[in-house]
Amino acid sequence: MSLAENLYEKLTNEEDARLCRDIDEKACRESPRSFFYLLASYFFTKLGDAIASPKTTLAWLTTAVGAPAFVLGMLVPIRESGSLIPQLFIGGIIRQLSVRKWVWVAGSAVQGVCIVAIGFVAFALEGAVAGWAILALVTLFSLARGFCSVSAKDVLGKTIPKKIRGQLTGWSASAAGLLTIGVGVVLMMPVARLGETELIGALLVGAGLLWVIAAAVYSLVAEYPGETGGARSAVEALRKLDILRTDKPFRRFVATRALLMCSALSAPFYVALAQENLGSAAAVLGAFVAAAGLASLLSAPLWGRFADQSSRKVMVAAALLTASIGLLTFGVESLAPGLSRTAWFLPIAYFALSIAHSGVRVGRKTYVVDLASGNKRTDYVAISNTVIGVLLLVVGSVGALAPWIGNAGVIVLLSVMGLCGALLGMSLPETVES
C-alpha cells in the first residue's frame, strides 16, 4: 500500500473507502491521490479567500485608499452574485466537456491574477480610480469563481467516494484556518499599524499567488471522461429552471439554502458593530480575521465528518447556531451595552458565527453533490447557485435598514431567517444511507 493510500485511510477513517459504489472504477483506484490533490487545491484557495475576504480585508482596503462609499457597499453583493447568477448558463457550457477539471484550473488562475492586481491597486492608486479598479477586478474574479464552482462539484462527484466528500472539504478548510489565524495575529501586532495600505496590498499579492498554485495542483487530479450533453443555448438553459417546479426535494433545498444566507449576510454587521463600539484600528480587523481562522480550524473537520453522516442535519444545526448568536448579540446590545463594548464579546460572537457559517457551507455543498449524480448534479449546482445569486442581491438590501434599526437590528432580522431555514431544513430528505 502506498503512502498516499495509508494517509488516505487514516484521514478518512474508512478502511473500505476504495470500494466505491458511486464513482467510476478507474477513478476509484486513483481516489487516494486525487483526494490529496483536491485537498491541497482547496486549502490554497480557502486560505486565499480568508486573506482577500470582501467582508474584512477588501472592505478595509477600499476605506484605506479613499474609495467612494458606494464601493464598500457593493463589494459583497458583486463578489457573491457575480459568481452565482451566471452559473445556469455556465453549466450548459461545462456539460459539453467530458473532462471538466481544466475549467477549474483556468478559473482559479484568473482569480489569482485578479487578486494580485487588487494588491497592486493598494500600492499605485487611490480615490475613485482605485475604487472602480477594485470593483472591476472583483467582478472578473467572481465570474471566474462561478466557472470553478460548477466544475468543482462535478469533478468531486466523479473522483471521490460519497462518504468522504465532506471530510475533504472540512480538512482543507481547517488547514487554511490555521494559517489564517497567523494572518490575523500579524494584523494585531503594532507593526501592522505602520503602512496599513501597503501591508494589505502585500497580503493580497500573496493571496493571489495561492490561487495560481492551486490551479497547478488541481491539474494533477485523475479525472476520467464522463457523460456530456445538455443545454447548448441561453433559452435551453433557462428551461432547466423548470426543475424547481418538478423536483420537490431540490426545490426545498434551494429554499433552505436561501434562508441560510443569513450566516454570510450577517457577518459584515458584526464587524460594523465592532467598529462602532471598539474603533477602526487594524487590531480590530486582525481580531476578526483571527477569529474566523480559528473557527475554521476547529470546526470544519467536525462539520465535514458530520456532513458525511447527514448533511441535512449539519445545515439545520448551523442555522440554529446562527440564529442563537444573533439573538444573543441583539439582547446584549439592547440590555447590556457595556458588555458589547468590551474587547472580547463581539470577536467571540463573530467566532461562533464563523463556526456556524462553516457548517452552512460544508452542509449545503455536500448535500447538493449527494442529492444527484451525473449531469443532473451539474444542473442542480448551476440552478441553485443562479437562483441564490439573484436572491442575494434582494435579501442583501436588508442592510439598507441599518440607519433606522441599527446593525444589531439587522442582525436580529437575519437571525429570524436562520430559524426559518432550520425549520425548512428539517423537512429535507436524507441523502446518505445509514
Protein backbone atom coordinates (compact mmCIF):
# COMPACT_ATOMS: atom_id res chain seq x y z
CA MET A 1 0.00 0.00 0.00
CA SER A 2 1.37 3.42 -0.98
CA LEU A 3 1.96 6.32 1.41
CA ALA A 4 -0.95 8.23 -0.15
CA GLU A 5 -3.28 5.27 0.38
CA ASN A 6 -2.14 4.90 4.01
CA LEU A 7 -2.69 8.57 4.78
CA TYR A 8 -5.98 8.46 2.88
CA GLU A 9 -7.35 5.70 5.09
CA LYS A 10 -6.09 7.35 8.28
CA LEU A 11 -7.58 10.76 7.46
CA THR A 12 -10.92 9.41 6.28
CA ASN A 13 -11.14 6.56 8.80
CA GLU A 14 -12.56 4.39 6.03
CA GLU A 15 -10.70 1.11 5.51
CA ASP A 16 -13.04 0.22 2.66
CA ALA A 17 -13.14 3.71 1.19
CA ARG A 18 -11.72 2.46 -2.10
CA LEU A 19 -14.60 0.04 -2.50
CA CYS A 20 -16.53 2.75 -4.28
CA ARG A 21 -20.03 2.19 -5.48
CA ASP A 22 -20.87 5.66 -6.76
CA ILE A 23 -17.83 6.55 -8.90
CA ASP A 24 -16.04 5.02 -11.87
CA GLU A 25 -13.77 2.05 -11.10
CA LYS A 26 -10.71 3.72 -12.66
CA ALA A 27 -11.38 6.90 -10.66
CA CYS A 28 -11.78 4.77 -7.54
CA ARG A 29 -8.27 3.36 -7.94
CA GLU A 30 -6.90 6.90 -8.19
CA SER A 31 -9.06 8.35 -5.41
CA PRO A 32 -6.29 8.40 -2.71
CA ARG A 33 -4.03 10.58 -4.89
CA SER A 34 -6.93 12.68 -6.17
CA PHE A 35 -8.03 13.20 -2.57
CA PHE A 36 -4.73 14.87 -1.66
CA TYR A 37 -4.53 16.93 -4.86
CA LEU A 38 -8.04 18.24 -4.20
CA LEU A 39 -7.21 18.75 -0.52
CA ALA A 40 -4.17 20.88 -1.38
CA SER A 41 -6.03 22.87 -4.04
CA TYR A 42 -8.96 23.61 -1.74
CA PHE A 43 -6.53 24.56 1.04
CA PHE A 44 -4.76 27.17 -1.10
CA THR A 45 -7.98 28.73 -2.38
CA LYS A 46 -9.61 28.76 1.06
CA LEU A 47 -6.56 30.46 2.53
CA GLY A 48 -6.68 32.98 -0.29
CA ASP A 49 -10.37 33.55 0.38
CA ALA A 50 -9.65 34.20 4.05
CA ILE A 51 -6.94 36.75 3.29
CA ALA A 52 -8.86 38.50 0.48
CA SER A 53 -12.30 38.42 2.17
CA PRO A 54 -14.66 41.19 0.95
CA LYS A 55 -16.18 41.28 4.44
CA THR A 56 -12.91 42.24 6.09
CA THR A 57 -9.70 42.85 4.11
CA LEU A 58 -11.15 44.21 0.85
CA ALA A 59 -13.59 46.40 2.77
CA TRP A 60 -10.70 47.71 4.85
CA LEU A 61 -8.70 48.43 1.68
CA THR A 62 -11.45 50.46 -0.01
CA THR A 63 -11.56 52.74 3.01
CA ALA A 64 -7.76 53.00 3.22
CA VAL A 65 -7.39 54.13 -0.43
CA GLY A 66 -10.22 56.65 -0.08
CA ALA A 67 -12.65 54.94 -2.48
CA PRO A 68 -16.24 56.29 -2.65
CA ALA A 69 -18.62 54.91 -0.03
CA PHE A 70 -20.76 53.04 -2.57
CA VAL A 71 -17.78 50.81 -3.45
CA LEU A 72 -17.76 49.44 0.08
CA GLY A 73 -21.45 48.60 -0.15
CA MET A 74 -21.06 46.80 -3.49
CA LEU A 75 -18.13 44.53 -2.62
CA VAL A 76 -20.00 41.60 -1.05
CA PRO A 77 -23.01 41.57 -3.45
CA ILE A 78 -20.78 41.65 -6.54
CA ARG A 79 -18.33 39.14 -5.07
CA GLU A 80 -21.10 36.62 -4.37
CA SER A 81 -23.77 37.29 -7.00
CA GLY A 82 -21.28 37.79 -9.83
CA SER A 83 -20.19 34.19 -9.41
CA LEU A 84 -23.64 32.73 -8.76
CA ILE A 85 -26.08 34.33 -11.22
CA PRO A 86 -24.32 33.22 -14.47
CA GLN A 87 -23.95 29.61 -13.34
CA LEU A 88 -27.11 28.38 -15.04
CA PHE A 89 -25.54 29.33 -18.36
CA ILE A 90 -22.06 28.26 -17.29
CA GLY A 91 -23.48 24.82 -16.52
CA GLY A 92 -24.68 24.47 -20.11
CA ILE A 93 -21.16 25.15 -21.37
CA ILE A 94 -19.42 22.84 -18.93
CA ARG A 95 -21.77 19.97 -19.67
CA GLN A 96 -20.30 19.74 -23.16
CA LEU A 97 -16.91 18.79 -21.71
CA SER A 98 -16.17 15.17 -20.83
CA VAL A 99 -13.24 16.27 -18.61
CA ARG A 100 -14.05 19.35 -16.55
CA LYS A 101 -11.05 19.88 -14.28
CA TRP A 102 -9.46 22.27 -16.78
CA VAL A 103 -12.35 24.67 -16.28
CA TRP A 104 -11.44 24.86 -12.61
CA VAL A 105 -7.73 25.24 -13.41
CA ALA A 106 -8.35 28.20 -15.73
CA GLY A 107 -10.86 29.80 -13.36
CA SER A 108 -8.52 29.55 -10.39
CA ALA A 109 -5.66 31.11 -12.37
CA VAL A 110 -7.86 34.06 -13.40
CA GLN A 111 -8.95 34.57 -9.77
CA GLY A 112 -5.33 34.67 -8.70
CA VAL A 113 -4.42 37.28 -11.30
CA CYS A 114 -7.36 39.46 -10.19
CA ILE A 115 -6.38 39.39 -6.52
CA VAL A 116 -2.74 40.15 -7.35
CA ALA A 117 -3.97 43.12 -9.41
CA ILE A 118 -6.06 44.38 -6.47
CA GLY A 119 -2.92 44.15 -4.35
CA PHE A 120 -1.10 46.42 -6.81
CA VAL A 121 -4.05 48.84 -6.68
CA ALA A 122 -3.21 49.32 -2.99
CA PHE A 123 0.30 50.46 -3.97
CA ALA A 124 -0.47 52.56 -7.06
CA LEU A 125 -3.98 54.03 -6.98
CA GLU A 126 -6.27 55.96 -4.68
CA GLY A 127 -9.66 57.62 -4.55
CA ALA A 128 -12.40 56.93 -7.10
CA VAL A 129 -9.96 55.42 -9.62
CA ALA A 130 -8.87 52.84 -7.06
CA GLY A 131 -12.49 52.10 -6.16
CA TRP A 132 -13.57 51.49 -9.75
CA ALA A 133 -10.49 49.35 -10.38
CA ILE A 134 -11.26 47.20 -7.34
CA LEU A 135 -14.91 46.76 -8.39
CA ALA A 136 -13.91 45.79 -11.94
CA LEU A 137 -11.39 43.22 -10.69
CA VAL A 138 -13.83 41.81 -8.12
CA THR A 139 -16.41 41.40 -10.92
CA LEU A 140 -13.96 39.45 -13.10
CA PHE A 141 -12.86 37.45 -10.05
CA SER A 142 -16.44 36.48 -9.25
CA LEU A 143 -17.19 35.39 -12.83
CA ALA A 144 -14.12 33.12 -12.83
CA ARG A 145 -15.22 31.81 -9.45
CA GLY A 146 -18.56 30.82 -11.00
CA PHE A 147 -16.83 28.54 -13.52
CA CYS A 148 -14.83 26.97 -10.68
CA SER A 149 -17.90 26.39 -8.52
CA VAL A 150 -19.86 24.46 -11.14
CA SER A 151 -16.94 22.36 -12.35
CA ALA A 152 -15.54 21.62 -8.86
CA LYS A 153 -18.63 19.86 -7.58
CA ASP A 154 -18.84 17.69 -10.66
CA VAL A 155 -15.14 16.76 -10.51
CA LEU A 156 -15.56 15.97 -6.80
CA GLY A 157 -18.54 13.75 -7.54
CA LYS A 158 -16.58 11.87 -10.24
CA THR A 159 -13.34 11.32 -8.31
CA ILE A 160 -14.10 10.99 -4.58
CA PRO A 161 -16.42 8.43 -2.88
CA LYS A 162 -19.62 9.83 -1.44
CA LYS A 163 -18.94 9.12 2.24
CA ILE A 164 -15.70 11.13 2.43
CA ARG A 165 -16.53 14.23 0.37
CA GLY A 166 -17.49 16.23 3.42
CA GLN A 167 -14.25 15.31 5.18
CA LEU A 168 -12.24 16.54 2.19
CA THR A 169 -13.92 19.94 2.39
CA GLY A 170 -13.60 20.02 6.15
CA TRP A 171 -9.89 19.18 6.34
CA SER A 172 -8.95 21.75 3.70
CA ALA A 173 -10.89 24.47 5.49
CA SER A 174 -9.32 23.52 8.82
CA ALA A 175 -5.77 23.72 7.48
CA ALA A 176 -6.48 27.08 5.86
CA GLY A 177 -7.99 28.29 9.11
CA LEU A 178 -4.74 27.54 10.96
CA LEU A 179 -2.73 29.86 8.74
CA THR A 180 -5.49 32.48 8.73
CA ILE A 181 -5.02 32.81 12.48
CA GLY A 182 -1.43 33.82 11.78
CA VAL A 183 -2.60 36.49 9.34
CA GLY A 184 -4.92 37.89 12.00
CA VAL A 185 -2.13 37.92 14.57
CA VAL A 186 0.11 39.89 12.18
CA LEU A 187 -2.60 42.50 11.74
CA MET A 188 -2.98 42.75 15.52
CA MET A 189 0.73 43.48 16.03
CA PRO A 190 1.91 47.10 16.37
CA VAL A 191 3.90 46.84 13.11
CA ALA A 192 0.62 46.30 11.31
CA ARG A 193 -0.41 49.84 12.12
CA LEU A 194 2.53 51.21 10.09
CA GLY A 195 1.71 51.42 6.39
CA GLU A 196 -1.61 49.62 6.63
CA THR A 197 -2.39 50.07 2.93
CA GLU A 198 0.96 48.63 1.87
CA LEU A 199 0.60 45.73 4.30
CA ILE A 200 -2.82 44.81 2.95
CA GLY A 201 -1.54 45.15 -0.63
CA ALA A 202 1.28 42.71 0.08
CA LEU A 203 -1.13 40.27 1.69
CA LEU A 204 -3.38 40.40 -1.37
CA VAL A 205 -0.50 39.77 -3.78
CA GLY A 206 0.43 36.73 -1.71
CA ALA A 207 -3.19 35.57 -1.64
CA GLY A 208 -3.44 35.84 -5.43
CA LEU A 209 -0.40 33.60 -5.88
CA LEU A 210 -2.16 30.94 -3.78
CA TRP A 211 -4.88 30.61 -6.44
CA VAL A 212 -2.24 30.13 -9.14
CA ILE A 213 -0.55 27.38 -7.09
CA ALA A 214 -3.95 25.75 -6.53
CA ALA A 215 -4.56 25.69 -10.29
CA ALA A 216 -1.28 23.87 -10.88
CA VAL A 217 -2.04 21.23 -8.22
CA TYR A 218 -5.64 20.72 -9.40
CA SER A 219 -4.38 19.87 -12.90
CA LEU A 220 -2.94 16.64 -11.42
CA VAL A 221 -6.36 15.25 -10.36
CA ALA A 222 -7.18 11.97 -12.11
CA GLU A 223 -10.50 12.81 -13.75
CA TYR A 224 -11.67 10.39 -16.41
CA PRO A 225 -14.07 11.34 -19.25
CA GLY A 226 -17.74 11.40 -18.22
CA GLU A 227 -21.08 11.97 -19.86
CA THR A 228 -21.74 15.11 -21.90
CA GLY A 229 -24.74 16.83 -23.41
CA GLY A 230 -27.49 19.13 -22.21
CA ALA A 231 -28.28 22.77 -22.67
CA ARG A 232 -26.48 24.49 -25.56
CA SER A 233 -28.21 27.88 -25.54
CA ALA A 234 -29.42 30.50 -23.09
CA VAL A 235 -33.04 29.57 -23.87
CA GLU A 236 -32.43 25.91 -23.19
CA ALA A 237 -30.55 26.79 -20.02
CA LEU A 238 -33.47 28.86 -18.76
CA ARG A 239 -35.78 25.91 -19.41
CA LYS A 240 -33.76 23.99 -16.85
CA LEU A 241 -35.37 26.21 -14.20
CA ASP A 242 -38.42 24.00 -14.60
CA ILE A 243 -36.61 21.57 -12.32
CA LEU A 244 -37.60 23.85 -9.46
CA ARG A 245 -41.25 23.12 -10.27
CA THR A 246 -40.99 19.37 -10.90
CA ASP A 247 -38.36 18.31 -8.35
CA LYS A 248 -39.74 18.85 -4.84
CA PRO A 249 -36.64 17.75 -2.83
CA PHE A 250 -34.44 20.05 -4.89
CA ARG A 251 -36.93 22.94 -4.56
CA ARG A 252 -36.90 22.58 -0.79
CA PHE A 253 -33.11 22.50 -0.77
CA VAL A 254 -32.93 25.77 -2.73
CA ALA A 255 -35.44 27.42 -0.39
CA THR A 256 -33.49 26.18 2.63
CA ARG A 257 -30.20 27.40 1.20
CA ALA A 258 -31.77 30.81 0.51
CA LEU A 259 -32.72 31.17 4.16
CA LEU A 260 -29.26 30.02 5.25
CA MET A 261 -27.74 33.05 3.52
CA CYS A 262 -28.25 34.69 6.91
CA SER A 263 -24.90 33.36 8.15
CA ALA A 264 -22.98 35.17 5.38
CA LEU A 265 -25.11 38.30 5.22
CA SER A 266 -24.94 38.98 8.95
CA ALA A 267 -21.13 38.79 9.19
CA PRO A 268 -20.38 42.38 8.00
CA PHE A 269 -22.79 43.78 10.57
CA TYR A 270 -20.86 42.16 13.41
CA VAL A 271 -17.73 43.88 12.04
CA ALA A 272 -19.59 47.18 11.66
CA LEU A 273 -20.94 46.88 15.21
CA ALA A 274 -17.39 46.30 16.46
CA GLN A 275 -16.13 49.37 14.60
CA GLU A 276 -18.86 51.41 16.32
CA ASN A 277 -18.06 50.04 19.76
CA LEU A 278 -14.29 49.39 19.57
CA GLY A 279 -12.92 51.69 16.87
CA SER A 280 -11.33 51.08 13.46
CA ALA A 281 -7.76 50.15 14.39
CA ALA A 282 -6.03 47.41 12.42
CA ALA A 283 -6.01 45.35 15.60
CA VAL A 284 -9.82 45.15 15.44
CA LEU A 285 -9.63 43.80 11.89
CA GLY A 286 -6.95 41.36 12.99
CA ALA A 287 -9.11 40.07 15.84
CA PHE A 288 -11.95 39.26 13.44
CA VAL A 289 -9.66 37.66 10.85
CA ALA A 290 -8.06 35.51 13.57
CA ALA A 291 -11.48 34.58 14.96
CA ALA A 292 -12.64 33.42 11.53
CA GLY A 293 -9.47 31.38 11.03
CA LEU A 294 -9.71 29.75 14.46
CA ALA A 295 -13.36 28.87 13.83
CA SER A 296 -12.50 27.20 10.53
CA LEU A 297 -9.59 25.31 12.09
CA LEU A 298 -11.64 23.89 14.93
CA SER A 299 -14.99 23.30 13.30
CA ALA A 300 -14.52 22.39 9.64
CA PRO A 301 -13.30 18.77 10.13
CA LEU A 302 -16.11 18.12 12.61
CA TRP A 303 -18.69 19.61 10.26
CA GLY A 304 -17.20 17.56 7.44
CA ARG A 305 -17.46 14.26 9.30
CA PHE A 306 -20.95 15.20 10.48
CA ALA A 307 -21.92 16.02 6.87
CA ASP A 308 -20.84 12.59 5.69
CA GLN A 309 -23.38 11.15 8.13
CA SER A 310 -26.13 13.70 7.46
CA SER A 311 -25.51 16.95 5.58
CA ARG A 312 -29.17 17.82 6.21
CA LYS A 313 -28.64 17.83 9.97
CA VAL A 314 -25.50 19.92 9.51
CA MET A 315 -27.49 22.65 7.77
CA VAL A 316 -30.18 22.58 10.46
CA ALA A 317 -27.65 22.76 13.31
CA ALA A 318 -25.69 25.58 11.64
CA ALA A 319 -28.86 27.58 11.04
CA LEU A 320 -29.91 27.23 14.68
CA LEU A 321 -26.45 28.31 15.83
CA THR A 322 -26.54 31.38 13.55
CA ALA A 323 -29.93 32.41 14.90
CA SER A 324 -28.93 31.87 18.52
CA ILE A 325 -25.79 34.01 18.20
CA GLY A 326 -27.72 36.80 16.52
CA LEU A 327 -30.47 36.85 19.11
CA LEU A 328 -27.89 36.83 21.92
CA THR A 329 -25.94 39.70 20.34
CA PHE A 330 -29.11 41.75 19.91
CA GLY A 331 -30.09 41.06 23.51
CA VAL A 332 -26.69 42.12 24.85
CA GLU A 333 -26.58 45.26 22.67
CA SER A 334 -30.09 46.25 23.84
CA LEU A 335 -29.98 45.27 27.51
CA ALA A 336 -26.28 45.30 28.44
CA PRO A 337 -24.49 47.68 26.00
CA GLY A 338 -21.47 47.88 28.28
CA LEU A 339 -20.82 44.17 27.69
CA SER A 340 -20.90 44.59 23.91
CA ARG A 341 -18.23 47.31 24.22
CA THR A 342 -15.73 45.01 25.87
CA ALA A 343 -12.78 43.93 23.73
CA TRP A 344 -13.81 40.27 23.74
CA PHE A 345 -17.58 39.98 23.30
CA LEU A 346 -18.02 40.78 19.60
CA PRO A 347 -14.90 38.88 18.42
CA ILE A 348 -16.18 35.82 20.32
CA ALA A 349 -19.65 36.26 18.80
CA TYR A 350 -18.04 36.51 15.36
CA PHE A 351 -16.02 33.39 16.14
CA ALA A 352 -19.22 31.48 16.90
CA LEU A 353 -20.91 32.89 13.78
CA SER A 354 -17.92 31.75 11.70
CA ILE A 355 -18.35 28.24 13.10
CA ALA A 356 -21.99 28.32 12.05
CA HIS A 357 -21.15 29.65 8.57
CA SER A 358 -18.56 26.91 8.12
CA GLY A 359 -21.29 24.38 8.87
CA VAL A 360 -23.65 26.01 6.38
CA ARG A 361 -21.03 25.88 3.62
CA VAL A 362 -19.93 22.29 4.28
CA GLY A 363 -23.53 21.09 4.72
CA ARG A 364 -25.03 22.64 1.60
CA LYS A 365 -22.09 21.73 -0.65
CA THR A 366 -22.13 18.11 0.49
CA TYR A 367 -25.93 17.89 0.29
CA VAL A 368 -26.24 19.10 -3.31
CA VAL A 369 -23.44 16.79 -4.50
CA ASP A 370 -25.06 13.79 -2.79
CA LEU A 371 -28.58 14.68 -3.96
CA ALA A 372 -27.88 13.89 -7.62
CA SER A 373 -25.39 12.21 -9.94
CA GLY A 374 -24.01 12.70 -13.46
CA ASN A 375 -25.22 15.68 -15.46
CA LYS A 376 -28.14 16.13 -13.07
CA ARG A 377 -25.61 17.15 -10.44
CA THR A 378 -24.35 19.91 -12.73
CA ASP A 379 -27.93 21.12 -13.26
CA TYR A 380 -28.60 21.19 -9.51
CA VAL A 381 -25.45 23.17 -8.76
CA ALA A 382 -25.94 25.65 -11.59
CA ILE A 383 -29.65 26.28 -10.97
CA SER A 384 -29.35 26.61 -7.19
CA ASN A 385 -26.39 28.96 -7.46
CA THR A 386 -28.09 31.15 -10.07
CA VAL A 387 -31.27 31.46 -8.01
CA ILE A 388 -29.30 32.16 -4.83
CA GLY A 389 -27.27 34.83 -6.64
CA VAL A 390 -30.42 36.75 -7.56
CA LEU A 391 -31.92 36.37 -4.09
CA LEU A 392 -28.65 37.50 -2.54
CA LEU A 393 -28.96 40.89 -4.21
CA VAL A 394 -32.54 41.19 -2.98
CA VAL A 395 -32.07 39.93 0.59
CA GLY A 396 -28.75 41.74 0.89
CA SER A 397 -30.65 45.01 0.64
CA VAL A 398 -31.75 44.46 4.25
CA GLY A 399 -28.55 46.31 5.14
CA ALA A 400 -30.22 49.50 3.94
CA LEU A 401 -32.32 49.35 7.13
CA ALA A 402 -29.25 49.79 9.34
CA PRO A 403 -29.55 53.62 9.62
CA TRP A 404 -33.02 53.15 11.17
CA ILE A 405 -32.79 49.91 13.15
CA GLY A 406 -29.04 49.77 13.73
CA ASN A 407 -26.58 47.00 12.98
CA ALA A 408 -27.95 44.89 15.85
CA GLY A 409 -31.45 45.23 14.40
CA VAL A 410 -30.28 43.91 11.03
CA ILE A 411 -28.59 41.01 12.82
CA VAL A 412 -31.81 40.02 14.58
CA LEU A 413 -33.80 40.14 11.31
CA LEU A 414 -31.29 37.80 9.70
CA SER A 415 -31.47 35.57 12.77
CA VAL A 416 -35.19 35.08 12.15
CA MET A 417 -34.24 33.95 8.64
CA GLY A 418 -31.96 31.38 10.23
CA LEU A 419 -34.76 29.99 12.38
CA CYS A 420 -36.99 29.62 9.31
CA GLY A 421 -34.13 27.91 7.46
CA ALA A 422 -33.69 25.40 10.28
CA LEU A 423 -37.39 24.55 10.27
CA LEU A 424 -37.45 24.05 6.49
CA GLY A 425 -34.22 22.07 6.58
CA MET A 426 -35.83 19.53 8.88
CA SER A 427 -38.21 18.60 6.04
CA LEU A 428 -35.42 17.77 3.55
CA PRO A 429 -34.87 14.11 2.65
CA GLU A 430 -31.69 12.36 3.78
CA THR A 431 -29.11 11.70 1.04
CA VAL A 432 -26.80 9.23 2.79
CA GLU A 433 -27.91 5.71 3.67
CA SER A 434 -27.45 4.82 7.31
